[in-house]
Amino acid sequence: MPDTALTRRPTAVVIGASAAGLFAAATLAEFADVTLVERDVLPEGPEPRRGVPQARHAHLVWSGGVLAFDELLPGLVDEAVAGGGRLVHVMGDMVSRAPNEVWFRRFLTTHHRILVCSRDLLDSVIRARVLADARITLRQGTTALSLEGDAARVTGVRVRTGDEELTLTADLVVDSSGRGSRAPRWLTDLGLPDITEREVDAGVAYATRLYRAPGTTKDIDFPLVNVQANPAKAPGRGGVILPIEGDRWIVTLSGTRGGEPTADADAFADFALSLGDPVIGELIKDAEPLGDIATTRSTANHRRYYEKAKRWPDGFTVLGDAVAAYNPVYGHGLTVAAQCALALRTVLRSASLTAPGTARRLQRAAARPVAAAWDLAVGQDAFYPGAATTPPTALERFLARFVDRAVETGARNPRALGALLDVMSLEKPATRLFSPDMLVPMFLGPKKPHLQAPPLSEAERESAVS
């Protein structure tokens, strides 16, 4: 019999067991043996962990993310729903006011669904699914210290577990360690030039409190309630009610510089009543709070343009919040994490993980979903005073005005709403806003009148107090 040459299966190290890291590990397991390095000790079930301080605030997964979740890990969304999550119809199951203070009609004709649950539940479902893969090894309580290799190729990562330091060699190292990523420093330590970065910080602060679902709201599909801040009226103040598992409401309030919410329990409901519309305050003023208020101020949009680097080492890729972190109010981080993992899979199904240039291709592929979410977030936040070192450009101002017009049209026309949600949900590129579905009703009509109050039915209001 002829000799059979045994080829070594490639190896990969993923830094960070965030959603981005877990999705990356799941994708890479198709092509390599994966070691997942996590600084924290992960909880067994749907419990909070230290490495995700923002987990107590409202989270949602837009329909672009729902689709990506199930493409990466078929059945994952159903598992989250079985655990108490909910697929919310956009806008049928929502009461939502846009940043330009237009209320959306609750049209039922769009296909878009967002996944709503606590972040603890969602993380536990993703962890359980990904870590069940025998091709993935988890190293908990392990801190990544530096990259190994040189400016041409990364060959592994230096880590510390307890008092022990060692090097994990790998054909590919993926940094998904979040906002605090040290990848820029690691790359300069290898002799590579600085990475271009940009920050747009609207100065948003968040305050979140859990409530027991009031009245009989737990017995009906009570809508998500969202009052978005208006950048034209600084300080911008907004809030959201998310009905979640366990017959609870997550209520997150936000405010920009000079209008921030606080951890003062006595001021929470009053702040909600002070929003551009008092509907959130009215719904929670007599509700039973569950626990203290959690606050966060680390909400700046921050992007690192790795894909534009003139020199990039083989064997290294950066994903998730380590590339771009967004103001959480837009809810795009989880969707981008899943879409970046899909982008990796597409590249690796046509190129060897170990081939020269593959890491650069991976980085550029991941930049596409990052850029889509970045443009949406910055397109709003750049207009707050002091958000950026340079004012919005003429093009950015034109696009902001056009998006406002698109929102006004989508708020009262279901065809235009579908086009708007395709973009906001990260299902399709922004060029969708210039399609006939949007432009025809925008310029020719017919146009329903704008709503003058939140489209909350009388039965829904009564359920919150009964």
Protein backbone atom coordinates (compact mmCIF):
# COMPACT_ATOMS: atom_id res chain seq x y z
CA MET A 1 0.00 0.00 0.00
CA PRO A 2 1.26 3.53 -0.73
CA ASP A 3 2.24 5.70 2.21
CA THR A 4 -0.40 8.19 3.29
CA ALA A 5 0.96 11.64 4.16
CA LEU A 6 -0.58 12.94 7.33
CA THR A 7 -1.10 16.69 7.29
CA ARG A 8 -1.20 18.59 10.56
CA ARG A 9 -4.49 20.30 11.33
CA PRO A 10 -3.90 24.07 11.72
CA THR A 11 -4.17 25.68 15.15
CA ALA A 12 -5.80 28.94 16.21
CA VAL A 13 -5.90 30.92 19.44
CA VAL A 14 -8.85 33.23 20.12
CA ILE A 15 -8.34 35.85 22.84
CA GLY A 16 -11.54 36.63 24.70
CA ALA A 17 -14.71 34.57 25.23
CA SER A 18 -16.98 37.48 24.38
CA ALA A 19 -19.74 36.95 21.84
CA ALA A 20 -17.26 37.95 19.13
CA GLY A 21 -14.69 35.48 20.44
CA LEU A 22 -17.18 32.65 20.75
CA PHE A 23 -18.51 33.19 17.24
CA ALA A 24 -14.94 33.35 15.91
CA ALA A 25 -14.04 30.12 17.70
CA ALA A 26 -17.12 28.39 16.28
CA THR A 27 -16.16 29.49 12.78
CA LEU A 28 -12.47 28.60 13.09
CA ALA A 29 -13.25 25.12 14.44
CA GLU A 30 -14.23 24.14 10.89
CA PHE A 31 -10.65 24.81 9.79
CA ALA A 32 -8.43 24.43 12.86
CA ASP A 33 -8.09 23.22 16.42
CA VAL A 34 -8.99 26.23 18.55
CA THR A 35 -7.82 27.36 21.97
CA LEU A 36 -10.05 30.01 23.54
CA VAL A 37 -8.19 32.17 26.06
CA GLU A 38 -10.36 33.96 28.63
CA ARG A 39 -9.18 36.16 31.49
CA ASP A 40 -12.27 35.47 33.64
CA VAL A 41 -13.76 32.26 34.99
CA LEU A 42 -17.00 31.82 33.05
CA PRO A 43 -20.28 31.16 34.83
CA GLU A 44 -22.07 27.87 34.31
CA GLY A 45 -25.42 29.38 33.36
CA PRO A 46 -27.18 32.70 32.68
CA GLU A 47 -25.30 34.68 35.30
CA PRO A 48 -23.34 37.95 35.12
CA ARG A 49 -19.57 37.91 34.80
CA ARG A 50 -16.97 40.55 35.58
CA GLY A 51 -15.66 40.88 32.03
CA VAL A 52 -18.98 42.18 30.67
CA PRO A 53 -19.89 45.13 32.90
CA GLN A 54 -22.35 46.45 30.29
CA ALA A 55 -24.38 43.22 30.45
CA ARG A 56 -26.96 44.67 32.84
CA HIS A 57 -28.05 47.27 30.30
CA ALA A 58 -30.61 46.69 27.55
CA HIS A 59 -29.39 44.51 24.68
CA LEU A 60 -31.04 43.39 21.49
CA VAL A 61 -30.03 41.55 18.34
CA TRP A 62 -31.22 43.14 15.11
CA SER A 63 -32.63 40.92 12.38
CA GLY A 64 -29.31 40.96 10.51
CA GLY A 65 -27.81 39.41 13.62
CA VAL A 66 -30.66 36.93 14.05
CA LEU A 67 -30.00 35.67 10.54
CA ALA A 68 -26.25 35.53 11.16
CA PHE A 69 -26.68 33.70 14.47
CA ASP A 70 -28.63 30.91 12.83
CA GLU A 71 -26.33 30.72 9.84
CA LEU A 72 -23.34 30.26 12.12
CA LEU A 73 -25.02 28.02 14.68
CA PRO A 74 -28.32 26.67 13.35
CA GLY A 75 -31.04 26.63 15.99
CA LEU A 76 -29.26 29.07 18.30
CA VAL A 77 -32.05 31.63 18.20
CA ASP A 78 -34.64 28.95 19.00
CA GLU A 79 -32.54 27.95 22.02
CA ALA A 80 -32.54 31.54 23.26
CA VAL A 81 -36.31 31.74 22.79
CA ALA A 82 -36.76 28.43 24.62
CA GLY A 83 -34.80 29.95 27.50
CA GLY A 84 -37.25 32.83 27.74
CA GLY A 85 -36.09 35.16 24.99
CA ARG A 86 -38.49 36.67 22.50
CA LEU A 87 -38.51 37.48 18.79
CA VAL A 88 -40.05 40.93 18.53
CA HIS A 89 -41.68 42.06 15.31
CA VAL A 90 -40.35 45.40 14.04
CA MET A 91 -42.46 47.61 14.27
CA GLY A 92 -45.58 45.59 15.09
CA ASP A 93 -44.42 44.71 18.62
CA MET A 94 -42.72 48.03 19.26
CA VAL A 95 -43.59 51.54 20.37
CA SER A 96 -40.70 53.56 19.05
CA ARG A 97 -39.83 57.22 18.63
CA ALA A 98 -36.99 58.08 16.23
CA PRO A 99 -34.23 60.60 17.01
CA ASN A 100 -36.10 63.24 14.98
CA GLU A 101 -39.07 62.74 17.35
CA VAL A 102 -41.27 60.95 14.84
CA TRP A 103 -43.32 58.02 16.16
CA PHE A 104 -43.31 54.90 13.99
CA ARG A 105 -46.63 53.33 13.11
CA ARG A 106 -46.89 49.70 14.18
CA PHE A 107 -46.93 48.24 10.67
CA LEU A 108 -47.12 44.44 10.49
CA THR A 109 -45.96 43.97 6.90
CA THR A 110 -42.18 43.84 7.41
CA HIS A 111 -40.28 40.59 7.93
CA HIS A 112 -37.82 41.99 10.47
CA ARG A 113 -37.53 40.38 13.92
CA ILE A 114 -35.18 41.32 16.73
CA LEU A 115 -34.13 38.96 19.50
CA VAL A 116 -34.75 40.37 22.98
CA CYS A 117 -33.55 38.78 26.22
CA SER A 118 -31.06 39.48 28.99
CA ARG A 119 -27.41 39.51 27.97
CA ASP A 120 -26.74 36.86 30.62
CA LEU A 121 -29.18 34.46 28.96
CA LEU A 122 -27.86 35.13 25.48
CA ASP A 123 -24.22 34.69 26.51
CA SER A 124 -24.99 31.43 28.30
CA VAL A 125 -26.78 30.00 25.26
CA ILE A 126 -23.90 30.95 22.95
CA ARG A 127 -21.28 29.61 25.42
CA ALA A 128 -23.03 26.29 25.89
CA ARG A 129 -23.36 25.76 22.16
CA VAL A 130 -19.81 26.77 21.21
CA LEU A 131 -17.93 25.13 24.08
CA ALA A 132 -19.64 21.80 23.39
CA ASP A 133 -17.48 21.55 20.25
CA ALA A 134 -14.63 19.11 20.95
CA ARG A 135 -12.38 21.05 18.56
CA ILE A 136 -12.45 24.04 20.94
CA THR A 137 -10.40 24.08 24.18
CA LEU A 138 -11.16 26.73 26.81
CA ARG A 139 -8.37 28.14 28.99
CA GLN A 140 -10.09 30.17 31.72
CA GLY A 141 -8.35 32.51 34.14
CA THR A 142 -5.71 33.14 31.50
CA THR A 143 -4.47 36.58 30.46
CA ALA A 144 -2.94 37.32 27.05
CA LEU A 145 0.30 39.29 27.53
CA SER A 146 1.82 39.79 24.08
CA LEU A 147 2.13 38.42 20.58
CA GLU A 148 4.93 36.11 19.58
CA GLY A 149 6.63 36.44 16.19
CA ASP A 150 7.74 39.44 14.19
CA ALA A 151 6.43 42.09 11.82
CA ALA A 152 6.00 39.52 9.06
CA ARG A 153 4.19 36.74 10.94
CA VAL A 154 2.59 36.22 14.32
CA THR A 155 3.39 32.73 15.58
CA GLY A 156 1.49 32.65 18.85
CA VAL A 157 0.60 34.51 22.02
CA ARG A 158 2.29 34.78 25.41
CA VAL A 159 -0.17 34.12 28.24
CA ARG A 160 -0.23 33.94 32.03
CA THR A 161 -2.31 31.51 34.09
CA GLY A 162 -1.88 32.12 37.79
CA ASP A 163 1.88 32.36 38.34
CA GLU A 164 2.75 30.46 35.17
CA GLU A 165 3.70 32.09 31.88
CA LEU A 166 3.87 30.18 28.62
CA THR A 167 3.58 30.61 24.87
CA LEU A 168 0.67 29.19 22.93
CA THR A 169 1.84 28.67 19.36
CA ALA A 170 -0.74 29.06 16.61
CA ASP A 171 -1.13 29.45 12.88
CA LEU A 172 -3.67 32.19 13.56
CA VAL A 173 -4.22 34.42 16.59
CA VAL A 174 -7.54 36.27 16.81
CA ASP A 175 -7.89 39.15 19.24
CA SER A 176 -11.50 39.59 20.36
CA SER A 177 -10.68 41.05 23.78
CA GLY A 178 -13.04 44.03 23.49
CA ARG A 179 -12.72 47.78 23.98
CA GLY A 180 -9.61 47.35 26.12
CA SER A 181 -7.71 45.45 23.43
CA ARG A 182 -3.94 45.98 23.49
CA ALA A 183 -3.49 44.94 19.87
CA PRO A 184 -2.24 48.41 18.74
CA ARG A 185 0.58 48.22 21.30
CA TRP A 186 1.31 44.59 20.50
CA LEU A 187 1.71 45.42 16.82
CA THR A 188 4.09 48.33 17.44
CA ASP A 189 6.11 46.05 19.74
CA LEU A 190 6.60 43.81 16.68
CA GLY A 191 7.96 46.78 14.72
CA LEU A 192 4.80 47.70 12.84
CA PRO A 193 3.52 51.29 12.45
CA ASP A 194 0.76 52.82 14.56
CA ILE A 195 -2.83 52.00 13.66
CA THR A 196 -5.12 54.86 12.64
CA GLU A 197 -7.91 55.35 15.18
CA ARG A 198 -11.00 57.55 15.44
CA GLU A 199 -13.32 58.32 18.31
CA VAL A 200 -16.74 59.94 18.32
CA ASP A 201 -17.97 60.37 21.87
CA ALA A 202 -21.41 61.83 22.43
CA GLY A 203 -20.77 61.67 26.17
CA VAL A 204 -23.63 59.26 26.74
CA ALA A 205 -24.16 57.84 30.23
CA TYR A 206 -26.46 54.89 30.93
CA ALA A 207 -28.48 53.93 33.97
CA THR A 208 -30.37 50.65 34.10
CA ARG A 209 -32.78 49.10 36.57
CA LEU A 210 -34.69 45.85 36.55
CA TYR A 211 -38.40 45.88 37.36
CA ARG A 212 -40.95 43.20 37.94
CA ALA A 213 -43.30 43.26 34.93
CA PRO A 214 -46.13 45.43 36.25
CA GLY A 215 -49.81 44.58 36.31
CA THR A 216 -50.74 41.89 33.83
CA THR A 217 -48.12 42.82 31.23
CA LYS A 218 -46.42 39.46 31.74
CA ASP A 219 -49.56 37.76 30.41
CA ILE A 220 -49.45 39.53 27.04
CA ASP A 221 -46.78 40.24 24.43
CA PHE A 222 -46.14 43.69 25.81
CA PRO A 223 -44.31 45.82 23.25
CA LEU A 224 -40.76 47.03 23.46
CA VAL A 225 -40.92 50.78 24.22
CA ASN A 226 -38.18 53.02 22.88
CA VAL A 227 -37.79 56.81 23.08
CA GLN A 228 -34.60 57.80 21.26
CA ALA A 229 -32.60 60.93 22.04
CA ASN A 230 -32.64 63.83 19.58
CA PRO A 231 -29.11 65.01 18.60
CA ALA A 232 -30.56 68.39 17.58
CA LYS A 233 -31.64 69.07 21.16
CA ALA A 234 -28.63 68.61 23.42
CA PRO A 235 -28.45 67.18 25.94
CA GLY A 236 -30.01 64.17 24.29
CA ARG A 237 -32.07 61.98 26.57
CA GLY A 238 -33.65 58.63 25.79
CA GLY A 239 -34.81 55.37 27.25
CA VAL A 240 -36.02 51.88 26.50
CA ILE A 241 -38.17 49.20 28.14
CA LEU A 242 -37.32 45.62 27.20
CA PRO A 243 -39.65 42.92 28.53
CA ILE A 244 -37.39 39.91 29.14
CA GLU A 245 -37.44 36.42 30.60
CA GLY A 246 -38.48 35.90 34.20
CA ASP A 247 -41.41 38.32 33.97
CA ARG A 248 -39.03 41.27 34.20
CA TRP A 249 -38.44 44.56 32.44
CA ILE A 250 -35.01 45.96 31.74
CA VAL A 251 -35.31 49.74 31.76
CA THR A 252 -32.28 51.64 30.45
CA LEU A 253 -32.15 55.43 30.48
CA SER A 254 -29.49 57.48 28.72
CA GLY A 255 -28.34 61.06 28.50
CA THR A 256 -25.50 63.02 26.92
CA ARG A 257 -23.26 65.64 28.55
CA GLY A 258 -25.23 67.80 30.94
CA GLY A 259 -28.22 65.47 30.94
CA GLU A 260 -26.88 62.19 32.30
CA PRO A 261 -28.96 59.83 34.46
CA THR A 262 -27.51 58.83 37.82
CA ALA A 263 -27.56 55.91 40.23
CA ASP A 264 -29.99 57.80 42.48
CA ALA A 265 -32.97 55.47 42.86
CA ASP A 266 -35.27 58.33 43.79
CA ALA A 267 -34.47 60.16 40.54
CA PHE A 268 -34.81 57.24 38.12
CA ALA A 269 -38.54 57.41 37.36
CA ASP A 270 -38.45 61.22 37.31
CA PHE A 271 -35.72 61.10 34.68
CA ALA A 272 -37.86 58.76 32.59
CA LEU A 273 -40.78 61.17 32.90
CA SER A 274 -38.54 64.01 31.68
CA LEU A 275 -37.81 62.42 28.30
CA GLY A 276 -39.20 63.98 25.12
CA ASP A 277 -42.25 61.81 25.78
CA PRO A 278 -43.07 60.61 29.32
CA VAL A 279 -44.41 57.18 28.28
CA ILE A 280 -41.56 55.18 29.86
CA GLY A 281 -41.86 57.08 33.14
CA GLU A 282 -45.61 56.58 33.17
CA LEU A 283 -45.22 52.83 32.69
CA ILE A 284 -42.65 52.33 35.46
CA LYS A 285 -43.66 54.91 38.08
CA ASP A 286 -45.65 52.35 40.09
CA ALA A 287 -43.66 49.24 39.07
CA GLU A 288 -41.64 47.24 41.61
CA PRO A 289 -37.87 47.68 41.18
CA LEU A 290 -35.63 44.63 41.48
CA GLY A 291 -32.21 45.61 42.79
CA ASP A 292 -30.03 48.66 42.42
CA ILE A 293 -29.27 50.87 39.44
CA ALA A 294 -26.29 50.04 37.22
CA THR A 295 -24.49 52.91 35.47
CA THR A 296 -21.99 53.05 32.62
CA ARG A 297 -20.11 55.89 30.96
CA SER A 298 -17.84 53.94 28.60
CA THR A 299 -20.02 54.45 25.53
CA ALA A 300 -17.83 56.22 22.95
CA ASN A 301 -17.75 55.04 19.36
CA HIS A 302 -14.13 53.99 18.86
CA ARG A 303 -12.70 52.47 15.69
CA ARG A 304 -9.28 51.12 14.77
CA TYR A 305 -8.63 50.96 11.03
CA TYR A 306 -6.61 47.76 10.89
CA GLU A 307 -7.79 47.04 7.36
CA LYS A 308 -5.99 50.19 6.14
CA ALA A 309 -2.60 49.27 7.61
CA LYS A 310 0.14 49.36 4.96
CA ARG A 311 1.84 46.38 6.57
CA TRP A 312 -0.01 43.51 8.23
CA PRO A 313 1.48 40.33 9.72
CA ASP A 314 0.35 36.90 8.64
CA GLY A 315 -1.24 34.90 11.43
CA PHE A 316 -3.13 37.71 13.20
CA THR A 317 -6.66 39.11 13.01
CA VAL A 318 -8.67 41.46 15.24
CA LEU A 319 -12.46 41.19 15.65
CA GLY A 320 -15.42 42.60 17.55
CA ASP A 321 -15.18 45.57 19.89
CA ALA A 322 -11.40 45.33 19.61
CA VAL A 323 -11.86 46.73 16.07
CA ALA A 324 -14.84 49.00 16.64
CA ALA A 325 -16.95 49.65 19.69
CA TYR A 326 -20.22 51.50 19.29
CA ASN A 327 -22.51 53.57 21.44
CA PRO A 328 -24.68 50.73 22.86
CA VAL A 329 -27.91 52.65 22.18
CA TYR A 330 -27.83 51.46 18.57
CA GLY A 331 -27.67 47.78 19.54
CA HIS A 332 -25.35 46.73 16.71
CA GLY A 333 -22.41 45.14 18.54
CA LEU A 334 -23.77 41.59 18.73
CA THR A 335 -24.95 41.66 15.13
CA VAL A 336 -21.55 42.83 13.90
CA ALA A 337 -19.81 40.13 15.95
CA ALA A 338 -21.79 37.40 14.20
CA GLN A 339 -21.46 38.97 10.75
CA CYS A 340 -17.68 39.26 11.18
CA ALA A 341 -17.51 35.55 11.98
CA LEU A 342 -19.47 34.82 8.80
CA ALA A 343 -17.02 36.98 6.86
CA LEU A 344 -14.15 34.89 8.26
CA ARG A 345 -15.88 31.68 7.23
CA THR A 346 -16.38 32.94 3.67
CA VAL A 347 -12.69 33.76 3.32
CA LEU A 348 -11.45 30.52 4.88
CA ARG A 349 -13.62 28.39 2.63
CA SER A 350 -11.65 29.70 -0.33
CA ALA A 351 -8.20 30.31 1.19
CA SER A 352 -5.94 28.29 3.47
CA LEU A 353 -5.75 29.59 7.02
CA THR A 354 -1.95 29.26 6.90
CA ALA A 355 -1.39 30.83 3.46
CA PRO A 356 0.47 34.14 3.16
CA GLY A 357 -1.96 37.03 2.95
CA THR A 358 -4.93 35.19 4.45
CA ALA A 359 -4.84 37.18 7.70
CA ARG A 360 -5.01 40.45 5.76
CA ARG A 361 -7.95 39.12 3.76
CA LEU A 362 -9.70 38.18 7.01
CA GLN A 363 -9.13 41.66 8.44
CA ARG A 364 -10.48 43.39 5.36
CA ALA A 365 -13.50 41.08 5.19
CA ALA A 366 -14.36 41.82 8.83
CA ALA A 367 -14.16 45.56 8.12
CA ARG A 368 -17.26 45.51 5.92
CA PRO A 369 -19.89 44.79 8.61
CA VAL A 370 -17.90 46.98 11.00
CA ALA A 371 -18.11 49.93 8.59
CA ALA A 372 -21.87 49.56 8.09
CA ALA A 373 -22.59 49.77 11.83
CA TRP A 374 -20.00 52.51 12.32
CA ASP A 375 -21.60 54.78 9.74
CA LEU A 376 -25.02 54.37 11.35
CA ALA A 377 -23.77 55.16 14.85
CA VAL A 378 -21.46 58.04 13.95
CA GLY A 379 -24.09 59.50 11.62
CA GLN A 380 -26.11 60.33 14.74
CA ASP A 381 -23.53 60.83 17.50
CA ALA A 382 -21.25 63.17 15.54
CA PHE A 383 -23.88 65.89 15.86
CA TYR A 384 -23.71 66.12 19.66
CA PRO A 385 -21.57 69.01 20.99
CA GLY A 386 -18.00 67.93 21.70
CA ALA A 387 -18.46 64.46 20.20
CA ALA A 388 -15.51 64.71 17.82
CA THR A 389 -12.45 66.89 17.28
CA THR A 390 -13.75 67.96 13.87
CA PRO A 391 -17.34 68.90 12.99
CA PRO A 392 -19.42 66.76 10.62
CA THR A 393 -18.51 67.23 6.97
CA ALA A 394 -20.90 68.63 4.37
CA LEU A 395 -21.48 65.09 3.10
CA GLU A 396 -22.22 63.81 6.61
CA ARG A 397 -24.70 66.64 7.12
CA PHE A 398 -26.42 65.86 3.83
CA LEU A 399 -26.66 62.17 4.67
CA ALA A 400 -28.03 62.95 8.13
CA ARG A 401 -30.76 65.09 6.60
CA PHE A 402 -31.57 62.35 4.10
CA VAL A 403 -31.77 59.72 6.85
CA ASP A 404 -34.14 61.99 8.80
CA ARG A 405 -36.30 62.21 5.69
CA ALA A 406 -36.13 58.44 5.28
CA VAL A 407 -37.23 57.96 8.90
CA GLU A 408 -40.14 60.37 8.44
CA THR A 409 -41.20 58.41 5.36
CA GLY A 410 -40.74 54.96 6.92
CA ALA A 411 -42.69 56.03 10.00
CA ARG A 412 -45.86 56.32 7.93
CA ASN A 413 -45.29 54.09 4.87
CA PRO A 414 -44.77 50.32 5.24
CA ARG A 415 -42.89 49.99 1.95
CA ALA A 416 -40.37 52.64 2.98
CA LEU A 417 -40.19 51.17 6.47
CA GLY A 418 -39.03 47.87 4.99
CA ALA A 419 -36.18 49.61 3.18
CA LEU A 420 -35.24 51.57 6.30
CA LEU A 421 -35.21 48.46 8.49
CA ASP A 422 -33.11 46.54 5.96
CA VAL A 423 -30.38 49.11 6.61
CA MET A 424 -30.92 49.67 10.34
CA SER A 425 -30.99 45.90 10.91
CA LEU A 426 -27.69 45.47 9.01
CA GLU A 427 -29.34 43.14 6.52
CA LYS A 428 -28.50 45.30 3.50
CA PRO A 429 -26.11 48.17 2.70
CA ALA A 430 -27.05 51.82 3.05
CA THR A 431 -27.63 52.09 -0.72
CA ARG A 432 -30.97 50.38 -0.02
CA LEU A 433 -32.21 53.77 1.23
CA PHE A 434 -31.94 55.08 -2.33
CA SER A 435 -34.12 52.32 -3.80
CA PRO A 436 -37.60 52.93 -5.28
CA ASP A 437 -39.14 51.42 -2.14
CA MET A 438 -37.90 54.48 -0.29
CA LEU A 439 -37.70 57.20 -2.94
CA VAL A 440 -41.17 56.73 -4.46
CA PRO A 441 -43.11 57.19 -1.20
CA MET A 442 -40.63 59.84 -0.04
CA PHE A 443 -41.27 62.12 -2.99
CA LEU A 444 -44.64 61.00 -4.36
CA GLY A 445 -46.59 59.59 -1.44
CA PRO A 446 -49.23 58.68 -0.47
CA LYS A 447 -48.35 59.75 3.06
CA LYS A 448 -50.25 59.08 6.25
CA PRO A 449 -50.14 61.86 8.83
CA HIS A 450 -47.50 61.61 11.55
CA LEU A 451 -48.62 60.17 14.87
CA GLN A 452 -48.91 62.75 17.64
CA ALA A 453 -48.50 60.27 20.52
CA PRO A 454 -46.93 56.86 21.18
CA PRO A 455 -48.98 54.08 19.52
CA LEU A 456 -49.60 52.21 22.75
CA SER A 457 -53.08 50.73 22.86
CA GLU A 458 -55.44 51.45 25.70
CA ALA A 459 -55.42 47.75 26.64
CA GLU A 460 -51.61 47.78 26.82
CA ARG A 461 -51.62 50.87 29.03
CA GLU A 462 -54.24 49.37 31.31
CA SER A 463 -52.30 46.10 31.61
CA ALA A 464 -49.40 48.01 33.19
CA VAL A 465 -51.55 49.26 36.07
CA SER A 466 -54.08 46.49 36.58
